[in-house]
Amino acid sequence: MAKFVTIGYGDQDGYDRTGKAVRDEAHAHDARLREGGAVLGIAGPPVRVRNPEGAGTTVEEGSFLSSDLPVAGFGIIEAASLEEAVRLVSRTPCAVAHGVVEVWPLREAP
């Protein structure tokens, strides 16, 4: 099984305008993913870390990338293929509540 990093983007407005039954099923789907071994979490405030040429570490508050929607959460899931990973995340809260989920194949570093 391959591993995939998922990044969910969404805002409270999109979540709130999604029907309660749809949201509840999306959260139940997340619970099933967790039971199957997925690691899922809600995003906290980020920091940027730099250490150019190993000469000294600096840390700055805030994200490096920007998006129309805030980052809502992250996950590590296993799936047999990218297509299966897409199918799995298509039923998560960010995907159904007017947000978006990115799926990144995770390759082991040498």
PDB file of N, CA and C in Angstrom:
ATOM      1  N   MET A   1       0.842  -1.188   0.000  1.00  0.00           N
ATOM      2  CA  MET A   1       0.000   0.000   0.000  1.00  0.00           C
ATOM      3  C   MET A   1       0.883   1.246   0.000  1.00  0.00           C
ATOM      4  N   ALA A   2       0.514   2.198  -0.802  1.00  0.00           N
ATOM      5  CA  ALA A   2       1.226   3.470  -0.865  1.00  0.00           C
ATOM      6  C   ALA A   2       0.674   4.420   0.190  1.00  0.00           C
ATOM      7  N   LYS A   3       1.509   5.379   0.588  1.00  0.00           N
ATOM      8  CA  LYS A   3       1.079   6.404   1.544  1.00  0.00           C
ATOM      9  C   LYS A   3       0.881   7.716   0.803  1.00  0.00           C
ATOM     10  N   PHE A   4      -0.079   8.486   1.284  1.00  0.00           N
ATOM     11  CA  PHE A   4      -0.401   9.772   0.692  1.00  0.00           C
ATOM     12  C   PHE A   4      -0.562  10.796   1.797  1.00  0.00           C
ATOM     13  N   VAL A   5      -0.035  11.996   1.561  1.00  0.00           N
ATOM     14  CA  VAL A   5      -0.257  13.132   2.457  1.00  0.00           C
ATOM     15  C   VAL A   5      -1.476  13.869   1.924  1.00  0.00           C
ATOM     16  N   THR A   6      -2.399  14.188   2.812  1.00  0.00           N
ATOM     17  CA  THR A   6      -3.577  14.945   2.399  1.00  0.00           C
ATOM     18  C   THR A   6      -3.579  16.284   3.129  1.00  0.00           C
ATOM     19  N   ILE A   7      -3.968  17.319   2.415  1.00  0.00           N
ATOM     20  CA  ILE A   7      -4.072  18.655   2.996  1.00  0.00           C
ATOM     21  C   ILE A   7      -5.481  19.147   2.696  1.00  0.00           C
ATOM     22  N   GLY A   8      -6.235  19.385   3.752  1.00  0.00           N
ATOM     23  CA  GLY A   8      -7.607  19.858   3.596  1.00  0.00           C
ATOM     24  C   GLY A   8      -7.686  21.359   3.796  1.00  0.00           C
ATOM     25  N   TYR A   9      -8.381  22.017   2.892  1.00  0.00           N
ATOM     26  CA  TYR A   9      -8.600  23.457   2.977  1.00  0.00           C
ATOM     27  C   TYR A   9     -10.101  23.690   3.116  1.00  0.00           C
ATOM     28  N   GLY A  10     -10.485  24.591   3.986  1.00  0.00           N
ATOM     29  CA  GLY A  10     -11.898  24.914   4.126  1.00  0.00           C
ATOM     30  C   GLY A  10     -12.087  25.978   5.183  1.00  0.00           C
ATOM     31  N   ASP A  11     -13.246  26.617   5.136  1.00  0.00           N
ATOM     32  CA  ASP A  11     -13.527  27.645   6.137  1.00  0.00           C
ATOM     33  C   ASP A  11     -14.838  27.337   6.851  1.00  0.00           C
ATOM     34  N   GLN A  12     -15.064  28.036   7.933  1.00  0.00           N
ATOM     35  CA  GLN A  12     -16.240  27.804   8.755  1.00  0.00           C
ATOM     36  C   GLN A  12     -17.525  28.062   7.977  1.00  0.00           C
ATOM     37  N   ASP A  13     -17.535  29.082   7.112  1.00  0.00           N
ATOM     38  CA  ASP A  13     -18.728  29.402   6.328  1.00  0.00           C
ATOM     39  C   ASP A  13     -19.133  28.227   5.443  1.00  0.00           C
ATOM     40  N   GLY A  14     -18.169  27.654   4.738  1.00  0.00           N
ATOM     41  CA  GLY A  14     -18.469  26.502   3.892  1.00  0.00           C
ATOM     42  C   GLY A  14     -18.965  25.321   4.708  1.00  0.00           C
ATOM     43  N   TYR A  15     -18.362  25.110   5.858  1.00  0.00           N
ATOM     44  CA  TYR A  15     -18.777  24.023   6.750  1.00  0.00           C
ATOM     45  C   TYR A  15     -20.204  24.257   7.220  1.00  0.00           C
ATOM     46  N   ASP A  16     -20.486  25.479   7.671  1.00  0.00           N
ATOM     47  CA  ASP A  16     -21.799  25.788   8.231  1.00  0.00           C
ATOM     48  C   ASP A  16     -22.920  25.688   7.201  1.00  0.00           C
ATOM     49  N   ARG A  17     -22.634  25.968   5.938  1.00  0.00           N
ATOM     50  CA  ARG A  17     -23.702  25.910   4.934  1.00  0.00           C
ATOM     51  C   ARG A  17     -23.889  24.522   4.339  1.00  0.00           C
ATOM     52  N   THR A  18     -23.134  23.559   4.822  1.00  0.00           N
ATOM     53  CA  THR A  18     -23.295  22.164   4.410  1.00  0.00           C
ATOM     54  C   THR A  18     -24.294  21.500   5.354  1.00  0.00           C
ATOM     55  N   GLY A  19     -25.193  20.718   4.795  1.00  0.00           N
ATOM     56  CA  GLY A  19     -26.216  20.064   5.621  1.00  0.00           C
ATOM     57  C   GLY A  19     -25.623  19.228   6.743  1.00  0.00           C
ATOM     58  N   LYS A  20     -26.303  19.224   7.881  1.00  0.00           N
ATOM     59  CA  LYS A  20     -25.812  18.508   9.056  1.00  0.00           C
ATOM     60  C   LYS A  20     -25.624  17.015   8.770  1.00  0.00           C
ATOM     61  N   ALA A  21     -26.541  16.405   8.045  1.00  0.00           N
ATOM     62  CA  ALA A  21     -26.414  14.974   7.737  1.00  0.00           C
ATOM     63  C   ALA A  21     -25.174  14.704   6.893  1.00  0.00           C
ATOM     64  N   VAL A  22     -24.872  15.581   5.956  1.00  0.00           N
ATOM     65  CA  VAL A  22     -23.677  15.433   5.116  1.00  0.00           C
ATOM     66  C   VAL A  22     -22.422  15.586   5.973  1.00  0.00           C
ATOM     67  N   ARG A  23     -22.414  16.597   6.846  1.00  0.00           N
ATOM     68  CA  ARG A  23     -21.255  16.800   7.738  1.00  0.00           C
ATOM     69  C   ARG A  23     -21.073  15.597   8.665  1.00  0.00           C
ATOM     70  N   ASP A  24     -22.174  15.127   9.256  1.00  0.00           N
ATOM     71  CA  ASP A  24     -22.077  13.989  10.176  1.00  0.00           C
ATOM     72  C   ASP A  24     -21.512  12.762   9.483  1.00  0.00           C
ATOM     73  N   GLU A  25     -21.958  12.493   8.252  1.00  0.00           N
ATOM     74  CA  GLU A  25     -21.428  11.336   7.511  1.00  0.00           C
ATOM     75  C   GLU A  25     -19.952  11.529   7.181  1.00  0.00           C
ATOM     76  N   ALA A  26     -19.551  12.763   6.865  1.00  0.00           N
ATOM     77  CA  ALA A  26     -18.141  13.035   6.576  1.00  0.00           C
ATOM     78  C   ALA A  26     -17.282  12.784   7.814  1.00  0.00           C
ATOM     79  N   HIS A  27     -17.761  13.199   8.980  1.00  0.00           N
ATOM     80  CA  HIS A  27     -17.007  12.940  10.221  1.00  0.00           C
ATOM     81  C   HIS A  27     -16.970  11.442  10.541  1.00  0.00           C
ATOM     82  N   ALA A  28     -18.065  10.742  10.268  1.00  0.00           N
ATOM     83  CA  ALA A  28     -18.074   9.290  10.466  1.00  0.00           C
ATOM     84  C   ALA A  28     -17.082   8.620   9.514  1.00  0.00           C
ATOM     85  N   HIS A  29     -16.996   9.139   8.292  1.00  0.00           N
ATOM     86  CA  HIS A  29     -16.030   8.616   7.320  1.00  0.00           C
ATOM     87  C   HIS A  29     -14.604   8.819   7.848  1.00  0.00           C
ATOM     88  N   ASP A  30     -14.310  10.016   8.393  1.00  0.00           N
ATOM     89  CA  ASP A  30     -12.994  10.259   8.993  1.00  0.00           C
ATOM     90  C   ASP A  30     -12.718   9.270  10.123  1.00  0.00           C
ATOM     91  N   ALA A  31     -13.716   8.998  10.937  1.00  0.00           N
ATOM     92  CA  ALA A  31     -13.534   8.041  12.036  1.00  0.00           C
ATOM     93  C   ALA A  31     -13.182   6.658  11.486  1.00  0.00           C
ATOM     94  N   ARG A  32     -13.833   6.260  10.394  1.00  0.00           N
ATOM     95  CA  ARG A  32     -13.508   4.962   9.784  1.00  0.00           C
ATOM     96  C   ARG A  32     -12.085   4.963   9.217  1.00  0.00           C
ATOM     97  N   LEU A  33     -11.670   6.085   8.617  1.00  0.00           N
ATOM     98  CA  LEU A  33     -10.288   6.176   8.131  1.00  0.00           C
ATOM     99  C   LEU A  33      -9.306   6.009   9.283  1.00  0.00           C
ATOM    100  N   ARG A  34      -9.578   6.675  10.420  1.00  0.00           N
ATOM    101  CA  ARG A  34      -8.702   6.549  11.598  1.00  0.00           C
ATOM    102  C   ARG A  34      -8.646   5.103  12.087  1.00  0.00           C
ATOM    103  N   GLU A  35      -9.807   4.458  12.148  1.00  0.00           N
ATOM    104  CA  GLU A  35      -9.860   3.056  12.577  1.00  0.00           C
ATOM    105  C   GLU A  35      -9.013   2.176  11.658  1.00  0.00           C
ATOM    106  N   GLY A  36      -8.913   2.557  10.389  1.00  0.00           N
ATOM    107  CA  GLY A  36      -8.112   1.807   9.427  1.00  0.00           C
ATOM    108  C   GLY A  36      -6.639   2.174   9.445  1.00  0.00           C
ATOM    109  N   GLY A  37      -6.240   3.083  10.340  1.00  0.00           N
ATOM    110  CA  GLY A  37      -4.830   3.421  10.478  1.00  0.00           C
ATOM    111  C   GLY A  37      -4.417   4.780   9.957  1.00  0.00           C
ATOM    112  N   ALA A  38      -5.343   5.543   9.368  1.00  0.00           N
ATOM    113  CA  ALA A  38      -4.993   6.885   8.892  1.00  0.00           C
ATOM    114  C   ALA A  38      -4.674   7.794  10.071  1.00  0.00           C
ATOM    115  N   VAL A  39      -3.762   8.700   9.856  1.00  0.00           N
ATOM    116  CA  VAL A  39      -3.429   9.726  10.852  1.00  0.00           C
ATOM    117  C   VAL A  39      -4.030  11.027  10.333  1.00  0.00           C
ATOM    118  N   LEU A  40      -4.998  11.569  11.070  1.00  0.00           N
ATOM    119  CA  LEU A  40      -5.690  12.788  10.661  1.00  0.00           C
ATOM    120  C   LEU A  40      -5.600  13.806  11.774  1.00  0.00           C
ATOM    121  N   GLY A  41      -5.488  15.077  11.424  1.00  0.00           N
ATOM    122  CA  GLY A  41      -5.432  16.110  12.454  1.00  0.00           C
ATOM    123  C   GLY A  41      -5.854  17.452  11.925  1.00  0.00           C
ATOM    124  N   ILE A  42      -6.251  18.306  12.850  1.00  0.00           N
ATOM    125  CA  ILE A  42      -6.652  19.675  12.544  1.00  0.00           C
ATOM    126  C   ILE A  42      -5.405  20.546  12.571  1.00  0.00           C
ATOM    127  N   ALA A  43      -5.304  21.432  11.607  1.00  0.00           N
ATOM    128  CA  ALA A  43      -4.122  22.294  11.495  1.00  0.00           C
ATOM    129  C   ALA A  43      -4.126  23.364  12.577  1.00  0.00           C
ATOM    130  N   GLY A  44      -2.991  23.539  13.213  1.00  0.00           N
ATOM    131  CA  GLY A  44      -2.774  24.647  14.131  1.00  0.00           C
ATOM    132  C   GLY A  44      -2.009  25.747  13.414  1.00  0.00           C
ATOM    133  N   PRO A  45      -1.670  26.819  14.108  1.00  0.00           N
ATOM    134  CA  PRO A  45      -0.942  27.913  13.459  1.00  0.00           C
ATOM    135  C   PRO A  45       0.478  27.475  13.069  1.00  0.00           C
ATOM    136  N   PRO A  46       0.896  27.749  11.835  1.00  0.00           N
ATOM    137  CA  PRO A  46       2.202  27.286  11.364  1.00  0.00           C
ATOM    138  C   PRO A  46       3.339  28.251  11.694  1.00  0.00           C
ATOM    139  N   VAL A  47       4.542  27.734  11.585  1.00  0.00           N
ATOM    140  CA  VAL A  47       5.760  28.550  11.611  1.00  0.00           C
ATOM    141  C   VAL A  47       6.616  28.145  10.421  1.00  0.00           C
ATOM    142  N   ARG A  48       7.452  29.064   9.969  1.00  0.00           N
ATOM    143  CA  ARG A  48       8.405  28.797   8.888  1.00  0.00           C
ATOM    144  C   ARG A  48       9.783  28.649   9.521  1.00  0.00           C
ATOM    145  N   VAL A  49      10.500  27.598   9.151  1.00  0.00           N
ATOM    146  CA  VAL A  49      11.829  27.312   9.703  1.00  0.00           C
ATOM    147  C   VAL A  49      12.843  27.385   8.574  1.00  0.00           C
ATOM    148  N   ARG A  50      13.913  28.124   8.815  1.00  0.00           N
ATOM    149  CA  ARG A  50      15.012  28.215   7.839  1.00  0.00           C
ATOM    150  C   ARG A  50      16.332  27.998   8.572  1.00  0.00           C
ATOM    151  N   ASN A  51      17.279  27.389   7.859  1.00  0.00           N
ATOM    152  CA  ASN A  51      18.624  27.188   8.379  1.00  0.00           C
ATOM    153  C   ASN A  51      19.570  27.151   7.188  1.00  0.00           C
ATOM    154  N   PRO A  52      19.769  28.307   6.510  1.00  0.00           N
ATOM    155  CA  PRO A  52      20.568  28.316   5.286  1.00  0.00           C
ATOM    156  C   PRO A  52      22.004  27.846   5.519  1.00  0.00           C
ATOM    157  N   GLU A  53      22.361  26.815   4.791  1.00  0.00           N
ATOM    158  CA  GLU A  53      23.695  26.221   4.848  1.00  0.00           C
ATOM    159  C   GLU A  53      24.102  25.817   6.258  1.00  0.00           C
ATOM    160  N   GLY A  54      23.112  25.541   7.094  1.00  0.00           N
ATOM    161  CA  GLY A  54      23.384  25.100   8.459  1.00  0.00           C
ATOM    162  C   GLY A  54      24.014  26.171   9.328  1.00  0.00           C
ATOM    163  N   ALA A  55      23.867  27.440   8.930  1.00  0.00           N
ATOM    164  CA  ALA A  55      24.540  28.540   9.630  1.00  0.00           C
ATOM    165  C   ALA A  55      23.724  29.145  10.763  1.00  0.00           C
ATOM    166  N   GLY A  56      22.504  28.750  10.912  1.00  0.00           N
ATOM    167  CA  GLY A  56      21.684  29.300  11.991  1.00  0.00           C
ATOM    168  C   GLY A  56      20.211  29.191  11.653  1.00  0.00           C
ATOM    169  N   THR A  57      19.437  28.785  12.632  1.00  0.00           N
ATOM    170  CA  THR A  57      18.017  28.565  12.435  1.00  0.00           C
ATOM    171  C   THR A  57      17.234  29.828  12.761  1.00  0.00           C
ATOM    172  N   THR A  58      16.306  30.167  11.874  1.00  0.00           N
ATOM    173  CA  THR A  58      15.352  31.241  12.151  1.00  0.00           C
ATOM    174  C   THR A  58      13.951  30.657  12.069  1.00  0.00           C
ATOM    175  N   VAL A  59      13.085  31.184  12.897  1.00  0.00           N
ATOM    176  CA  VAL A  59      11.697  30.742  12.930  1.00  0.00           C
ATOM    177  C   VAL A  59      10.812  31.969  12.837  1.00  0.00           C
ATOM    178  N   GLU A  60       9.862  31.937  11.895  1.00  0.00           N
ATOM    179  CA  GLU A  60       8.927  33.037  11.718  1.00  0.00           C
ATOM    180  C   GLU A  60       7.509  32.491  11.793  1.00  0.00           C
ATOM    181  N   GLU A  61       6.610  33.235  12.415  1.00  0.00           N
ATOM    182  CA  GLU A  61       5.217  32.818  12.472  1.00  0.00           C
ATOM    183  C   GLU A  61       4.567  33.000  11.112  1.00  0.00           C
ATOM    184  N   GLY A  62       3.615  32.138  10.817  1.00  0.00           N
ATOM    185  CA  GLY A  62       2.849  32.256   9.587  1.00  0.00           C
ATOM    186  C   GLY A  62       3.227  31.208   8.564  1.00  0.00           C
ATOM    187  N   SER A  63       2.368  31.078   7.551  1.00  0.00           N
ATOM    188  CA  SER A  63       2.592  30.080   6.514  1.00  0.00           C
ATOM    189  C   SER A  63       3.432  30.655   5.383  1.00  0.00           C
ATOM    190  N   PHE A  64       4.052  29.790   4.641  1.00  0.00           N
ATOM    191  CA  PHE A  64       4.843  30.170   3.483  1.00  0.00           C
ATOM    192  C   PHE A  64       3.946  30.245   2.250  1.00  0.00           C
ATOM    193  N   LEU A  65       3.079  29.257   2.085  1.00  0.00           N
ATOM    194  CA  LEU A  65       2.160  29.212   0.957  1.00  0.00           C
ATOM    195  C   LEU A  65       0.880  29.947   1.306  1.00  0.00           C
ATOM    196  N   SER A  66       0.159  30.382   0.298  1.00  0.00           N
ATOM    197  CA  SER A  66      -1.138  31.014   0.545  1.00  0.00           C
ATOM    198  C   SER A  66      -2.198  30.341  -0.324  1.00  0.00           C
ATOM    199  N   SER A  67      -3.450  30.464   0.116  1.00  0.00           N
ATOM    200  CA  SER A  67      -4.568  29.841  -0.564  1.00  0.00           C
ATOM    201  C   SER A  67      -5.806  30.695  -0.350  1.00  0.00           C
ATOM    202  N   ASP A  68      -6.780  30.535  -1.231  1.00  0.00           N
ATOM    203  CA  ASP A  68      -8.049  31.227  -1.038  1.00  0.00           C
ATOM    204  C   ASP A  68      -8.758  30.748   0.222  1.00  0.00           C
ATOM    205  N   LEU A  69      -8.527  29.501   0.598  1.00  0.00           N
ATOM    206  CA  LEU A  69      -9.126  28.925   1.798  1.00  0.00           C
ATOM    207  C   LEU A  69      -8.022  28.605   2.802  1.00  0.00           C
ATOM    208  N   PRO A  70      -8.314  28.713   4.099  1.00  0.00           N
ATOM    209  CA  PRO A  70      -7.294  28.356   5.092  1.00  0.00           C
ATOM    210  C   PRO A  70      -7.077  26.845   5.153  1.00  0.00           C
ATOM    211  N   VAL A  71      -5.862  26.452   5.537  1.00  0.00           N
ATOM    212  CA  VAL A  71      -5.586  25.036   5.767  1.00  0.00           C
ATOM    213  C   VAL A  71      -6.385  24.614   6.989  1.00  0.00           C
ATOM    214  N   ALA A  72      -7.149  23.549   6.844  1.00  0.00           N
ATOM    215  CA  ALA A  72      -7.988  23.067   7.937  1.00  0.00           C
ATOM    216  C   ALA A  72      -7.393  21.836   8.617  1.00  0.00           C
ATOM    217  N   GLY A  73      -6.687  20.993   7.865  1.00  0.00           N
ATOM    218  CA  GLY A  73      -6.150  19.789   8.467  1.00  0.00           C
ATOM    219  C   GLY A  73      -5.238  19.022   7.535  1.00  0.00           C
ATOM    220  N   PHE A  74      -4.611  18.008   8.122  1.00  0.00           N
ATOM    221  CA  PHE A  74      -3.654  17.177   7.401  1.00  0.00           C
ATOM    222  C   PHE A  74      -3.960  15.711   7.679  1.00  0.00           C
ATOM    223  N   GLY A  75      -3.491  14.863   6.799  1.00  0.00           N
ATOM    224  CA  GLY A  75      -3.639  13.440   7.026  1.00  0.00           C
ATOM    225  C   GLY A  75      -2.556  12.657   6.323  1.00  0.00           C
ATOM    226  N   ILE A  76      -2.329  11.464   6.822  1.00  0.00           N
ATOM    227  CA  ILE A  76      -1.492  10.469   6.161  1.00  0.00           C
ATOM    228  C   ILE A  76      -2.397   9.256   6.004  1.00  0.00           C
ATOM    229  N   ILE A  77      -2.659   8.875   4.758  1.00  0.00           N
ATOM    230  CA  ILE A  77      -3.520   7.727   4.501  1.00  0.00           C
ATOM    231  C   ILE A  77      -2.767   6.718   3.654  1.00  0.00           C
ATOM    232  N   GLU A  78      -3.248   5.492   3.675  1.00  0.00           N
ATOM    233  CA  GLU A  78      -2.712   4.450   2.807  1.00  0.00           C
ATOM    234  C   GLU A  78      -3.785   4.055   1.808  1.00  0.00           C
ATOM    235  N   ALA A  79      -3.366   3.847   0.586  1.00  0.00           N
ATOM    236  CA  ALA A  79      -4.271   3.420  -0.474  1.00  0.00           C
ATOM    237  C   ALA A  79      -3.477   2.650  -1.510  1.00  0.00           C
ATOM    238  N   ALA A  80      -4.167   1.825  -2.264  1.00  0.00           N
ATOM    239  CA  ALA A  80      -3.507   1.019  -3.281  1.00  0.00           C
ATOM    240  C   ALA A  80      -3.069   1.850  -4.485  1.00  0.00           C
ATOM    241  N   SER A  81      -3.724   2.987  -4.703  1.00  0.00           N
ATOM    242  CA  SER A  81      -3.418   3.821  -5.862  1.00  0.00           C
ATOM    243  C   SER A  81      -3.850   5.255  -5.575  1.00  0.00           C
ATOM    244  N   LEU A  82      -3.414   6.169  -6.432  1.00  0.00           N
ATOM    245  CA  LEU A  82      -3.863   7.554  -6.326  1.00  0.00           C
ATOM    246  C   LEU A  82      -5.382   7.626  -6.479  1.00  0.00           C
ATOM    247  N   GLU A  83      -5.931   6.840  -7.378  1.00  0.00           N
ATOM    248  CA  GLU A  83      -7.376   6.843  -7.591  1.00  0.00           C
ATOM    249  C   GLU A  83      -8.122   6.448  -6.325  1.00  0.00           C
ATOM    250  N   GLU A  84      -7.610   5.438  -5.614  1.00  0.00           N
ATOM    251  CA  GLU A  84      -8.249   5.024  -4.362  1.00  0.00           C
ATOM    252  C   GLU A  84      -8.106   6.115  -3.306  1.00  0.00           C
ATOM    253  N   ALA A  85      -6.941   6.746  -3.239  1.00  0.00           N
ATOM    254  CA  ALA A  85      -6.744   7.838  -2.275  1.00  0.00           C
ATOM    255  C   ALA A  85      -7.737   8.966  -2.548  1.00  0.00           C
ATOM    256  N   VAL A  86      -7.931   9.304  -3.816  1.00  0.00           N
ATOM    257  CA  VAL A  86      -8.895  10.348  -4.186  1.00  0.00           C
ATOM    258  C   VAL A  86     -10.297   9.939  -3.741  1.00  0.00           C
ATOM    259  N   ARG A  87     -10.652   8.687  -3.970  1.00  0.00           N
ATOM    260  CA  ARG A  87     -11.973   8.205  -3.555  1.00  0.00           C
ATOM    261  C   ARG A  87     -12.140   8.327  -2.042  1.00  0.00           C
ATOM    262  N   LEU A  88     -11.099   7.977  -1.289  1.00  0.00           N
ATOM    263  CA  LEU A  88     -11.175   8.043   0.170  1.00  0.00           C
ATOM    264  C   LEU A  88     -11.353   9.478   0.673  1.00  0.00           C
ATOM    265  N   VAL A  89     -10.580  10.417   0.116  1.00  0.00           N
ATOM    266  CA  VAL A  89     -10.669  11.792   0.624  1.00  0.00           C
ATOM    267  C   VAL A  89     -11.881  12.540   0.093  1.00  0.00           C
ATOM    268  N   SER A  90     -12.504  12.039  -0.953  1.00  0.00           N
ATOM    269  CA  SER A  90     -13.648  12.748  -1.531  1.00  0.00           C
ATOM    270  C   SER A  90     -14.859  12.764  -0.610  1.00  0.00           C
ATOM    271  N   ARG A  91     -14.816  11.994   0.467  1.00  0.00           N
ATOM    272  CA  ARG A  91     -15.938  11.938   1.405  1.00  0.00           C
ATOM    273  C   ARG A  91     -15.598  12.555   2.758  1.00  0.00           C
ATOM    274  N   THR A  92     -14.461  13.255   2.851  1.00  0.00           N
ATOM    275  CA  THR A  92     -14.051  13.877   4.107  1.00  0.00           C
ATOM    276  C   THR A  92     -14.709  15.244   4.281  1.00  0.00           C
ATOM    277  N   PRO A  93     -14.699  15.798   5.507  1.00  0.00           N
ATOM    278  CA  PRO A  93     -15.375  17.073   5.740  1.00  0.00           C
ATOM    279  C   PRO A  93     -14.939  18.204   4.805  1.00  0.00           C
ATOM    280  N   CYS A  94     -13.659  18.384   4.580  1.00  0.00           N
ATOM    281  CA  CYS A  94     -13.232  19.485   3.700  1.00  0.00           C
ATOM    282  C   CYS A  94     -13.766  19.300   2.284  1.00  0.00           C
ATOM    283  N   ALA A  95     -13.758  18.087   1.777  1.00  0.00           N
ATOM    284  CA  ALA A  95     -14.202  17.846   0.411  1.00  0.00           C
ATOM    285  C   ALA A  95     -15.701  18.082   0.240  1.00  0.00           C
ATOM    286  N   VAL A  96     -16.499  17.697   1.236  1.00  0.00           N
ATOM    287  CA  VAL A  96     -17.948  17.821   1.091  1.00  0.00           C
ATOM    288  C   VAL A  96     -18.482  19.171   1.565  1.00  0.00           C
ATOM    289  N   ALA A  97     -17.698  19.916   2.338  1.00  0.00           N
ATOM    290  CA  ALA A  97     -18.179  21.181   2.926  1.00  0.00           C
ATOM    291  C   ALA A  97     -17.614  22.392   2.195  1.00  0.00           C
ATOM    292  N   HIS A  98     -17.616  22.331   0.857  1.00  0.00           N
ATOM    293  CA  HIS A  98     -17.228  23.465   0.016  1.00  0.00           C
ATOM    294  C   HIS A  98     -15.754  23.828   0.127  1.00  0.00           C
ATOM    295  N   GLY A  99     -14.927  22.880   0.564  1.00  0.00           N
ATOM    296  CA  GLY A  99     -13.486  23.089   0.601  1.00  0.00           C
ATOM    297  C   GLY A  99     -12.822  22.255  -0.483  1.00  0.00           C
ATOM    298  N   VAL A 100     -11.582  21.917  -0.246  1.00  0.00           N
ATOM    299  CA  VAL A 100     -10.820  21.117  -1.205  1.00  0.00           C
ATOM    300  C   VAL A 100      -9.787  20.307  -0.426  1.00  0.00           C
ATOM    301  N   VAL A 101      -9.414  19.156  -0.963  1.00  0.00           N
ATOM    302  CA  VAL A 101      -8.369  18.329  -0.361  1.00  0.00           C
ATOM    303  C   VAL A 101      -7.325  18.037  -1.424  1.00  0.00           C
ATOM    304  N   GLU A 102      -6.069  18.351  -1.117  1.00  0.00           N
ATOM    305  CA  GLU A 102      -4.957  17.955  -1.991  1.00  0.00           C
ATOM    306  C   GLU A 102      -4.475  16.580  -1.553  1.00  0.00           C
ATOM    307  N   VAL A 103      -4.064  15.786  -2.523  1.00  0.00           N
ATOM    308  CA  VAL A 103      -3.515  14.449  -2.244  1.00  0.00           C
ATOM    309  C   VAL A 103      -2.118  14.411  -2.848  1.00  0.00           C
ATOM    310  N   TRP A 104      -1.119  14.181  -2.008  1.00  0.00           N
ATOM    311  CA  TRP A 104       0.278  14.147  -2.440  1.00  0.00           C
ATOM    312  C   TRP A 104       0.833  12.741  -2.201  1.00  0.00           C
ATOM    313  N   PRO A 105       1.269  12.038  -3.250  1.00  0.00           N
ATOM    314  CA  PRO A 105       1.940  10.752  -3.023  1.00  0.00           C
ATOM    315  C   PRO A 105       3.181  10.970  -2.146  1.00  0.00           C
ATOM    316  N   LEU A 106       3.341  10.146  -1.149  1.00  0.00           N
ATOM    317  CA  LEU A 106       4.476  10.253  -0.237  1.00  0.00           C
ATOM    318  C   LEU A 106       5.489   9.184  -0.610  1.00  0.00           C
ATOM    319  N   ARG A 107       6.639   9.630  -1.061  1.00  0.00           N
ATOM    320  CA  ARG A 107       7.710   8.697  -1.417  1.00  0.00           C
ATOM    321  C   ARG A 107       8.779   8.762  -0.330  1.00  0.00           C
ATOM    322  N   GLU A 108       9.287   7.611   0.026  1.00  0.00           N
ATOM    323  CA  GLU A 108      10.322   7.576   1.056  1.00  0.00           C
ATOM    324  C   GLU A 108      11.592   8.213   0.536  1.00  0.00           C
ATOM    325  N   ALA A 109      12.223   9.007   1.390  1.00  0.00           N
ATOM    326  CA  ALA A 109      13.491   9.645   1.029  1.00  0.00           C
ATOM    327  C   ALA A 109      14.601   8.606   1.051  1.00  0.00           C
ATOM    328  N   PRO A 110      15.580   8.751   0.157  1.00  0.00           N
ATOM    329  CA  PRO A 110      16.686   7.777   0.129  1.00  0.00           C
ATOM    330  C   PRO A 110      17.558   7.874   1.365  1.00  0.00           C
TER     331      PRO A 110
END
